[in-house]
């Protein structure tokens, strides 16, 4: 992994790109080949040294794409929903049977849907260079979804020692509303790396809510960079329940670009058996009268490592900003680790901003109390863990979706 490089000729294999696109890809690939996988020397990766992680877990890795075959998979039966099916990042099919299909546009990845952004993150540059799968979803003006949209993100059995690069784009137009559940199903028993880049664009008065959750534990290694643009009176909400992945880094950048826009990021993670997960956020308050709220809760056991890097930036003109950030971690094993790096960078004077971070062990008095009421130590521990994380789950308004999320989290916890 130390000298891992990708031949420029790989870009020639990508179909339907023009000269400008090709040159953009080449520049990004040259940057990746120069820098390689990021290490702890880079500030954004100081707690998640990807080169070291890959060196320990991959003997080899390549970028050759495996064409997915659509095997049967089970739709979630707990609630009615629309869906998109992705296999190995490729859009296979979609079904919007509960909606007005004239108000929805869904298509495969196209280069011209994405801005040619410059990045100093080698993993993002790798995506810019090689991504050729994904979807583009546009919700037209003045339309609110009747039912939730489930994005089935399925990875096939054949995947092993691969890097997948995909790009997705979601546009919620003026006065429209969309709720999604990103549901990852990993059928591979082997290790692979999924590297995704997602644009979320919310126009005036738009609302977008997303839940990210896994079907079961797996040996997947995941990185996702989300780039969000939020216009006036629009709101973005994200729930991250990504327990179950061997490695996962959620890198979220939200630009509050319009007055009275809002951003809400919440996470509840249970990490076990050498899991390594990081939530990294950057919320940019660029105009007055905007709100952001972040609450990240993690439980760590058995050599697990959790990381939270959260930054709130307030521009000089962004008066009346209201921003809150809190990280809490519960360590139930002496060999688990949690690293937290909360930051505030404020250039306006009429603001309300706060951040905090706490981590500690399970209260032995609470364990003892529950055991005196007839519970075993394991049952008492499970009850405390569930209560610690359930605060985030309880913020989900739909009772059926809340029960679905609870069942997935409890499967992780009660495997303790």
Protein backbone atom coordinates (compact mmCIF):
# COMPACT_ATOMS: atom_id res chain seq x y z
CA UNK A 1 0.00 0.00 0.00
CA UNK A 2 2.97 2.29 0.53
CA UNK A 3 3.63 2.60 -3.22
CA UNK A 4 0.11 1.94 -4.52
CA UNK A 5 -0.39 3.82 -7.79
CA UNK A 6 -2.96 3.67 -10.57
CA UNK A 7 -2.06 3.85 -14.24
CA UNK A 8 -3.40 6.90 -16.09
CA UNK A 9 -4.58 4.53 -18.84
CA UNK A 10 -7.39 3.41 -16.52
CA UNK A 11 -9.15 6.69 -17.32
CA UNK A 12 -9.28 5.70 -21.00
CA UNK A 13 -11.58 2.83 -20.02
CA UNK A 14 -14.27 5.25 -18.83
CA UNK A 15 -16.98 5.79 -21.43
CA UNK A 16 -18.61 9.03 -22.57
CA UNK A 17 -16.22 11.62 -21.21
CA UNK A 18 -15.07 14.65 -23.14
CA UNK A 19 -11.60 16.20 -23.23
CA UNK A 20 -12.22 18.54 -20.27
CA UNK A 21 -13.57 15.71 -18.15
CA UNK A 22 -10.60 13.53 -19.01
CA UNK A 23 -8.09 16.27 -18.13
CA UNK A 24 -9.89 16.86 -14.81
CA UNK A 25 -9.73 13.16 -14.01
CA UNK A 26 -6.06 12.95 -14.94
CA UNK A 27 -5.16 15.85 -12.63
CA UNK A 28 -6.98 14.21 -9.73
CA UNK A 29 -5.37 10.83 -10.37
CA UNK A 30 -1.93 12.42 -10.55
CA UNK A 31 -2.59 14.06 -7.18
CA UNK A 32 -3.67 10.73 -5.67
CA UNK A 33 -0.65 8.92 -7.09
CA UNK A 34 1.60 11.59 -5.62
CA UNK A 35 0.01 11.59 -2.14
CA UNK A 36 -1.20 7.99 -1.86
CA UNK A 37 -3.67 6.87 0.78
CA UNK A 38 -3.87 9.52 3.54
CA UNK A 39 -1.92 9.10 6.77
CA UNK A 40 -2.11 10.61 10.24
CA UNK A 41 0.29 13.33 9.08
CA UNK A 42 -2.73 14.94 7.41
CA UNK A 43 -4.92 16.79 9.90
CA UNK A 44 -8.21 15.41 8.57
CA UNK A 45 -6.87 11.85 8.95
CA UNK A 46 -4.88 12.16 12.18
CA UNK A 47 -7.14 9.66 13.98
CA UNK A 48 -7.83 7.37 11.02
CA UNK A 49 -4.55 6.58 9.27
CA UNK A 50 -5.99 4.96 6.14
CA UNK A 51 -2.64 3.84 4.75
CA UNK A 52 -1.85 1.98 7.95
CA UNK A 53 -5.37 0.50 8.12
CA UNK A 54 -5.12 -0.75 4.53
CA UNK A 55 -1.62 -2.13 5.04
CA UNK A 56 -2.83 -4.22 7.96
CA UNK A 57 -5.98 -5.50 6.28
CA UNK A 58 -5.29 -5.77 2.53
CA UNK A 59 -2.53 -7.77 0.88
CA UNK A 60 -3.59 -6.40 -2.49
CA UNK A 61 -6.27 -4.12 -3.86
CA UNK A 62 -7.32 -3.12 -7.37
CA UNK A 63 -9.87 -0.96 -9.17
CA UNK A 64 -11.25 -3.44 -11.71
CA UNK A 65 -15.03 -3.19 -11.60
CA UNK A 66 -17.19 -6.29 -11.20
CA UNK A 67 -20.42 -6.12 -13.21
CA UNK A 68 -23.21 -6.83 -10.76
CA UNK A 69 -25.84 -9.45 -11.38
CA UNK A 70 -29.23 -8.70 -9.92
CA UNK A 71 -29.93 -11.48 -7.48
CA UNK A 72 -33.17 -11.53 -5.57
CA UNK A 73 -33.24 -9.41 -2.46
CA UNK A 74 -35.96 -8.82 0.07
CA UNK A 75 -37.69 -5.50 0.32
CA UNK A 76 -38.24 -4.16 3.82
CA UNK A 77 -41.71 -5.29 4.91
CA UNK A 78 -42.04 -3.06 7.97
CA UNK A 79 -43.48 -0.06 6.11
CA UNK A 80 -44.58 1.07 2.65
CA UNK A 81 -41.84 2.75 0.67
CA UNK A 82 -40.43 3.73 -2.69
CA UNK A 83 -37.00 2.44 -3.54
CA UNK A 84 -33.81 2.73 -5.56
CA UNK A 85 -31.62 -0.36 -6.00
CA UNK A 86 -27.85 0.06 -6.29
CA UNK A 87 -25.52 -2.91 -6.72
CA UNK A 88 -21.82 -2.18 -6.24
CA UNK A 89 -22.70 1.50 -6.64
CA UNK A 90 -24.48 1.07 -10.00
CA UNK A 91 -28.09 2.15 -10.39
CA UNK A 92 -30.03 -1.00 -11.34
CA UNK A 93 -33.66 0.04 -11.05
CA UNK A 94 -36.10 2.22 -9.13
CA UNK A 95 -39.76 2.15 -8.13
CA UNK A 96 -41.72 5.26 -7.14
CA UNK A 97 -45.14 3.63 -7.07
CA UNK A 98 -46.45 5.83 -4.25
CA UNK A 99 -45.51 9.09 -5.97
CA UNK A 100 -46.30 11.35 -8.91
CA UNK A 101 -43.57 10.13 -11.25
CA UNK A 102 -43.79 13.32 -13.31
CA UNK A 103 -42.26 15.15 -10.36
CA UNK A 104 -39.24 12.83 -10.08
CA UNK A 105 -36.22 12.43 -12.34
CA UNK A 106 -33.82 9.54 -11.76
CA UNK A 107 -30.89 8.67 -14.01
CA UNK A 108 -27.51 6.98 -14.00
CA UNK A 109 -24.35 8.88 -13.16
CA UNK A 110 -23.39 11.56 -15.66
CA UNK A 111 -20.21 13.60 -15.52
CA UNK A 112 -21.94 16.88 -16.39
CA UNK A 113 -24.15 16.66 -13.27
CA UNK A 114 -21.19 17.37 -11.02
CA UNK A 115 -19.09 20.45 -10.45
CA UNK A 116 -15.39 20.07 -11.09
CA UNK A 117 -14.35 20.81 -7.54
CA UNK A 118 -10.77 20.90 -6.34
CA UNK A 119 -9.80 18.91 -3.27
CA UNK A 120 -6.66 18.24 -1.25
CA UNK A 121 -8.09 15.00 0.10
CA UNK A 122 -6.47 12.09 -1.82
CA UNK A 123 -9.51 9.84 -1.36
CA UNK A 124 -11.86 12.47 -2.80
CA UNK A 125 -9.41 12.99 -5.67
CA UNK A 126 -9.41 9.24 -6.29
CA UNK A 127 -13.20 9.42 -6.59
CA UNK A 128 -13.05 12.41 -8.95
CA UNK A 129 -10.58 10.49 -11.10
CA UNK A 130 -12.32 7.12 -11.39
CA UNK A 131 -16.02 7.39 -10.47
CA UNK A 132 -18.29 6.14 -13.22
CA UNK A 133 -21.27 4.74 -11.27
CA UNK A 134 -24.03 6.23 -9.16
CA UNK A 135 -27.28 8.11 -9.66
CA UNK A 136 -28.75 11.55 -10.17
CA UNK A 137 -32.07 12.21 -8.40
CA UNK A 138 -34.06 15.42 -8.87
CA UNK A 139 -37.32 16.25 -7.08
CA UNK A 140 -39.19 18.95 -8.98
CA UNK A 141 -40.68 22.09 -7.41
CA UNK A 142 -43.62 22.00 -4.99
CA UNK A 143 -43.66 18.25 -4.40
CA UNK A 144 -43.60 16.38 -1.10
CA UNK A 145 -43.04 12.63 -1.10
CA UNK A 146 -45.97 10.58 0.18
CA UNK A 147 -43.72 7.72 1.37
CA UNK A 148 -40.10 7.35 2.38
CA UNK A 149 -37.53 6.48 -0.30
CA UNK A 150 -35.29 3.53 0.63
CA UNK A 151 -31.93 3.46 -1.15
CA UNK A 152 -30.88 -0.20 -1.15
CA UNK A 153 -27.10 -0.08 -1.34
CA UNK A 154 -26.24 -3.71 -2.07
CA UNK A 155 -22.74 -5.15 -2.45
CA UNK A 156 -22.32 -8.47 -4.22
CA UNK A 157 -20.72 -11.70 -3.03
CA UNK A 158 -17.92 -11.54 -5.59
CA UNK A 159 -16.36 -8.39 -4.16
CA UNK A 160 -12.87 -8.94 -2.79
CA UNK A 161 -9.86 -6.62 -2.59
CA UNK A 162 -11.58 -3.99 -4.74
CA UNK A 163 -11.91 -0.22 -4.69
CA UNK A 164 -15.33 1.02 -5.81
CA UNK A 165 -15.75 4.69 -6.68
CA UNK A 166 -19.23 6.16 -7.17
CA UNK A 167 -20.92 9.55 -7.25
CA UNK A 168 -24.50 10.42 -6.30
CA UNK A 169 -26.44 13.66 -6.56
CA UNK A 170 -29.71 14.56 -4.86
CA UNK A 171 -31.53 17.79 -5.71
CA UNK A 172 -34.63 18.80 -3.77
CA UNK A 173 -36.16 21.76 -5.55
CA UNK A 174 -38.05 24.74 -4.14
CA UNK A 175 -40.86 23.93 -1.65
CA UNK A 176 -40.28 20.16 -1.97
CA UNK A 177 -39.62 17.48 0.65
CA UNK A 178 -37.85 14.12 0.58
CA UNK A 179 -37.17 11.49 3.27
CA UNK A 180 -34.67 8.70 2.54
CA UNK A 181 -33.21 5.64 4.26
CA UNK A 182 -29.81 4.56 2.97
CA UNK A 183 -29.83 0.84 3.71
CA UNK A 184 -26.54 -1.01 3.16
CA UNK A 185 -26.66 -4.75 2.48
CA UNK A 186 -23.24 -6.38 2.16
CA UNK A 187 -23.25 -9.95 0.83
CA UNK A 188 -19.48 -10.14 0.43
CA UNK A 189 -17.59 -12.10 3.07
CA UNK A 190 -14.37 -10.45 1.93
CA UNK A 191 -12.79 -7.05 2.37
CA UNK A 192 -13.28 -4.24 -0.12
CA UNK A 193 -13.29 -0.44 -0.08
CA UNK A 194 -16.30 1.63 -1.16
CA UNK A 195 -15.44 5.26 -1.83
CA UNK A 196 -18.45 7.48 -2.50
CA UNK A 197 -19.04 11.17 -3.09
CA UNK A 198 -22.48 12.71 -2.72
CA UNK A 199 -23.86 16.13 -3.62
CA UNK A 200 -27.00 17.25 -1.78
CA UNK A 201 -28.56 20.48 -3.06
CA UNK A 202 -31.58 21.96 -1.29
CA UNK A 203 -33.35 24.91 -2.90
CA UNK A 204 -35.45 27.50 -1.06
CA UNK A 205 -37.93 26.03 1.46
CA UNK A 206 -36.84 22.46 0.68
CA UNK A 207 -36.58 19.70 3.30
CA UNK A 208 -34.40 16.60 3.19
CA UNK A 209 -34.14 13.95 5.91
CA UNK A 210 -31.87 10.92 5.67
CA UNK A 211 -31.22 7.85 7.81
CA UNK A 212 -28.09 5.77 7.26
CA UNK A 213 -28.13 2.20 8.61
CA UNK A 214 -26.67 -1.28 7.91
CA UNK A 215 -28.55 -4.55 7.51
CA UNK A 216 -25.90 -6.57 9.40
CA UNK A 217 -22.25 -6.66 10.41
CA UNK A 218 -19.67 -7.03 7.62
CA UNK A 219 -16.02 -6.61 6.70
CA UNK A 220 -16.72 -3.63 4.45
CA UNK A 221 -14.43 -0.58 4.44
CA UNK A 222 -16.38 2.58 3.60
CA UNK A 223 -15.65 6.26 3.01
CA UNK A 224 -18.33 8.78 2.11
CA UNK A 225 -17.88 12.48 1.47
CA UNK A 226 -21.11 14.45 1.49
CA UNK A 227 -21.12 17.97 0.09
CA UNK A 228 -24.31 19.85 0.99
CA UNK A 229 -25.61 23.21 -0.22
CA UNK A 230 -28.61 24.57 1.75
CA UNK A 231 -30.55 27.61 0.51
CA UNK A 232 -32.91 29.99 2.34
CA UNK A 233 -35.48 28.44 4.72
CA UNK A 234 -34.34 24.94 3.74
CA UNK A 235 -33.47 22.22 6.23
CA UNK A 236 -31.13 19.21 6.13
CA UNK A 237 -31.37 16.38 8.67
CA UNK A 238 -29.18 13.26 8.94
CA UNK A 239 -29.27 10.27 11.30
CA UNK A 240 -26.17 8.06 11.20
CA UNK A 241 -26.55 4.51 12.53
CA UNK A 242 -23.60 2.88 10.77
CA UNK A 243 -22.74 0.22 13.36
CA UNK A 244 -21.65 -3.01 11.70
CA UNK A 245 -18.96 -1.87 9.26
CA UNK A 246 -15.33 -2.76 9.90
CA UNK A 247 -14.20 0.71 8.83
CA UNK A 248 -16.37 3.70 8.06
CA UNK A 249 -15.66 7.39 7.73
CA UNK A 250 -18.54 9.78 7.18
CA UNK A 251 -17.10 13.12 6.06
CA UNK A 252 -19.88 15.72 5.95
CA UNK A 253 -19.56 19.32 4.74
CA UNK A 254 -22.68 21.49 4.88
CA UNK A 255 -22.81 25.06 3.56
CA UNK A 256 -25.69 27.08 5.01
CA UNK A 257 -25.94 29.52 2.12
CA UNK A 258 -29.40 31.03 2.60
CA UNK A 259 -30.96 32.88 5.51
CA UNK A 260 -32.93 30.80 8.03
CA UNK A 261 -31.48 27.55 6.73
CA UNK A 262 -30.91 24.66 9.16
CA UNK A 263 -28.69 21.62 9.55
CA UNK A 264 -29.24 18.75 12.00
CA UNK A 265 -26.76 15.85 12.32
CA UNK A 266 -27.23 13.07 14.87
CA UNK A 267 -25.46 9.76 15.28
CA UNK A 268 -25.72 6.68 17.50
CA UNK A 269 -22.99 4.04 17.04
CA UNK A 270 -22.20 0.75 18.73
CA UNK A 271 -18.65 -0.36 17.83
CA UNK A 272 -17.21 -3.76 18.67
CA UNK A 273 -14.62 -6.35 17.57
CA UNK A 274 -11.95 -3.99 16.13
CA UNK A 275 -14.47 -1.71 14.38
CA UNK A 276 -13.09 1.71 13.43
CA UNK A 277 -15.56 4.48 12.62
CA UNK A 278 -15.26 8.22 12.28
CA UNK A 279 -17.80 11.00 11.91
CA UNK A 280 -16.24 14.20 10.61
CA UNK A 281 -18.35 17.31 10.10
CA UNK A 282 -17.82 20.84 8.86
CA UNK A 283 -20.84 23.14 9.07
CA UNK A 284 -20.26 26.53 7.43
CA UNK A 285 -22.56 29.34 8.57
CA UNK A 286 -22.18 31.74 5.67
CA UNK A 287 -25.21 34.05 6.10
CA UNK A 288 -27.25 35.42 9.04
CA UNK A 289 -30.00 33.68 11.03
CA UNK A 290 -29.04 30.04 10.47
CA UNK A 291 -29.12 27.10 12.88
CA UNK A 292 -27.11 23.92 13.22
CA UNK A 293 -27.33 21.10 15.74
CA UNK A 294 -24.99 18.13 16.12
CA UNK A 295 -25.13 15.30 18.65
CA UNK A 296 -22.84 12.28 18.27
CA UNK A 297 -23.14 9.33 20.69
CA UNK A 298 -20.84 6.28 20.57
CA UNK A 299 -20.48 3.07 22.57
CA UNK A 300 -17.16 1.23 22.19
CA UNK A 301 -16.13 -2.30 23.14
CA UNK A 302 -13.39 -4.88 22.33
CA UNK A 303 -10.61 -2.93 20.58
CA UNK A 304 -13.07 -0.62 18.85
CA UNK A 305 -12.03 2.89 17.90
CA UNK A 306 -14.40 5.81 17.46
CA UNK A 307 -13.57 9.30 16.23
CA UNK A 308 -15.49 12.54 16.05
CA UNK A 309 -14.04 15.61 14.37
CA UNK A 310 -16.57 18.44 14.26
CA UNK A 311 -16.05 22.02 13.20
CA UNK A 312 -18.45 24.96 13.17
CA UNK A 313 -17.37 27.90 10.99
CA UNK A 314 -19.19 31.24 11.29
CA UNK A 315 -18.47 33.89 8.66
CA UNK A 316 -18.23 37.55 9.72
CA UNK A 317 -21.60 38.42 8.14
CA UNK A 318 -23.37 35.41 9.70
CA UNK A 319 -24.91 37.26 12.64
CA UNK A 320 -27.66 35.63 14.74
CA UNK A 321 -26.09 32.21 14.20
CA UNK A 322 -27.27 29.48 16.57
CA UNK A 323 -24.94 26.45 16.55
CA UNK A 324 -24.67 23.52 18.96
CA UNK A 325 -22.31 20.57 18.98
CA UNK A 326 -21.98 17.71 21.48
CA UNK A 327 -20.11 14.41 21.47
CA UNK A 328 -20.56 11.67 24.10
CA UNK A 329 -18.79 8.31 24.26
CA UNK A 330 -19.28 5.31 26.52
CA UNK A 331 -16.29 2.97 26.77
CA UNK A 332 -17.15 -0.49 28.06
CA UNK A 333 -13.77 -2.08 27.42
CA UNK A 334 -10.34 -1.08 28.66
CA UNK A 335 -8.83 -1.54 25.19
CA UNK A 336 -11.35 0.62 23.31
CA UNK A 337 -10.51 4.18 22.24
CA UNK A 338 -12.43 7.34 21.45
CA UNK A 339 -10.88 10.51 20.01
CA UNK A 340 -12.75 13.79 19.83
CA UNK A 341 -11.79 17.07 18.23
CA UNK A 342 -14.54 19.74 18.47
CA UNK A 343 -13.75 23.14 16.91
CA UNK A 344 -15.32 26.58 16.69
CA UNK A 345 -14.11 29.24 14.25
CA UNK A 346 -16.23 32.37 14.70
CA UNK A 347 -15.84 35.75 13.01
CA UNK A 348 -19.25 37.23 13.90
CA UNK A 349 -20.02 38.74 17.32
CA UNK A 350 -23.80 38.28 17.65
CA UNK A 351 -23.93 34.49 17.81
CA UNK A 352 -24.88 31.63 20.12
CA UNK A 353 -22.38 28.80 19.70
CA UNK A 354 -21.41 25.95 22.01
CA UNK A 355 -19.60 22.65 21.86
CA UNK A 356 -18.70 19.89 24.27
CA UNK A 357 -17.23 16.42 24.43
CA UNK A 358 -17.35 13.77 27.16
CA UNK A 359 -16.19 10.17 27.38
CA UNK A 360 -16.10 7.69 30.22
CA UNK A 361 -16.74 4.20 31.48
CA UNK A 362 -20.05 2.60 32.47
CA UNK A 363 -21.25 3.62 35.92
CA UNK A 364 -20.64 0.57 38.14
CA UNK A 365 -23.24 1.80 40.64
CA UNK A 366 -25.87 1.68 37.91
CA UNK A 367 -24.80 -1.86 36.98
CA UNK A 368 -24.99 -2.92 40.62
CA UNK A 369 -28.44 -1.34 41.04
CA UNK A 370 -29.84 -3.19 38.03
CA UNK A 371 -28.31 -6.49 39.19
CA UNK A 372 -30.05 -6.11 42.55
CA UNK A 373 -33.29 -5.95 40.57
CA UNK A 374 -32.69 -9.40 39.10
CA UNK A 375 -30.74 -8.69 35.91
CA UNK A 376 -27.49 -10.39 35.03
CA UNK A 377 -24.45 -8.20 34.50
CA UNK A 378 -24.71 -8.69 30.73
CA UNK A 379 -28.40 -7.75 30.73
CA UNK A 380 -27.70 -4.69 32.85
CA UNK A 381 -24.95 -3.60 30.48
CA UNK A 382 -27.18 -4.06 27.47
CA UNK A 383 -29.93 -2.02 29.09
CA UNK A 384 -27.57 0.88 29.83
CA UNK A 385 -26.12 0.83 26.32
CA UNK A 386 -29.57 0.79 24.77
CA UNK A 387 -30.69 3.70 26.93
CA UNK A 388 -27.57 5.70 26.06
CA UNK A 389 -28.12 5.37 22.31
CA UNK A 390 -31.91 5.46 22.29
CA UNK A 391 -31.96 9.22 22.88
CA UNK A 392 -30.96 9.67 19.23
CA UNK A 393 -33.40 7.06 17.92
CA UNK A 394 -36.29 8.70 19.77
CA UNK A 395 -35.87 11.81 17.60
CA UNK A 396 -37.18 9.86 14.59
CA UNK A 397 -40.81 10.96 14.23
CA UNK A 398 -42.23 8.01 12.31
CA UNK A 399 -43.06 5.23 14.77
CA UNK A 400 -42.73 2.44 12.17
CA UNK A 401 -39.32 3.65 10.99
CA UNK A 402 -38.24 4.19 14.59
CA UNK A 403 -39.10 0.56 15.42
CA UNK A 404 -37.20 -0.61 12.33
CA UNK A 405 -34.08 1.33 13.38
CA UNK A 406 -34.39 0.10 16.97
CA UNK A 407 -34.50 -3.52 15.81
CA UNK A 408 -31.28 -3.07 13.80
CA UNK A 409 -29.47 -1.35 16.66
CA UNK A 410 -30.66 -3.85 19.23
CA UNK A 411 -29.33 -6.67 17.06
CA UNK A 412 -25.91 -5.03 17.37
CA UNK A 413 -26.20 -4.32 21.08
CA UNK A 414 -27.63 -7.66 22.17
CA UNK A 415 -24.88 -9.42 20.31
CA UNK A 416 -22.67 -7.93 23.03
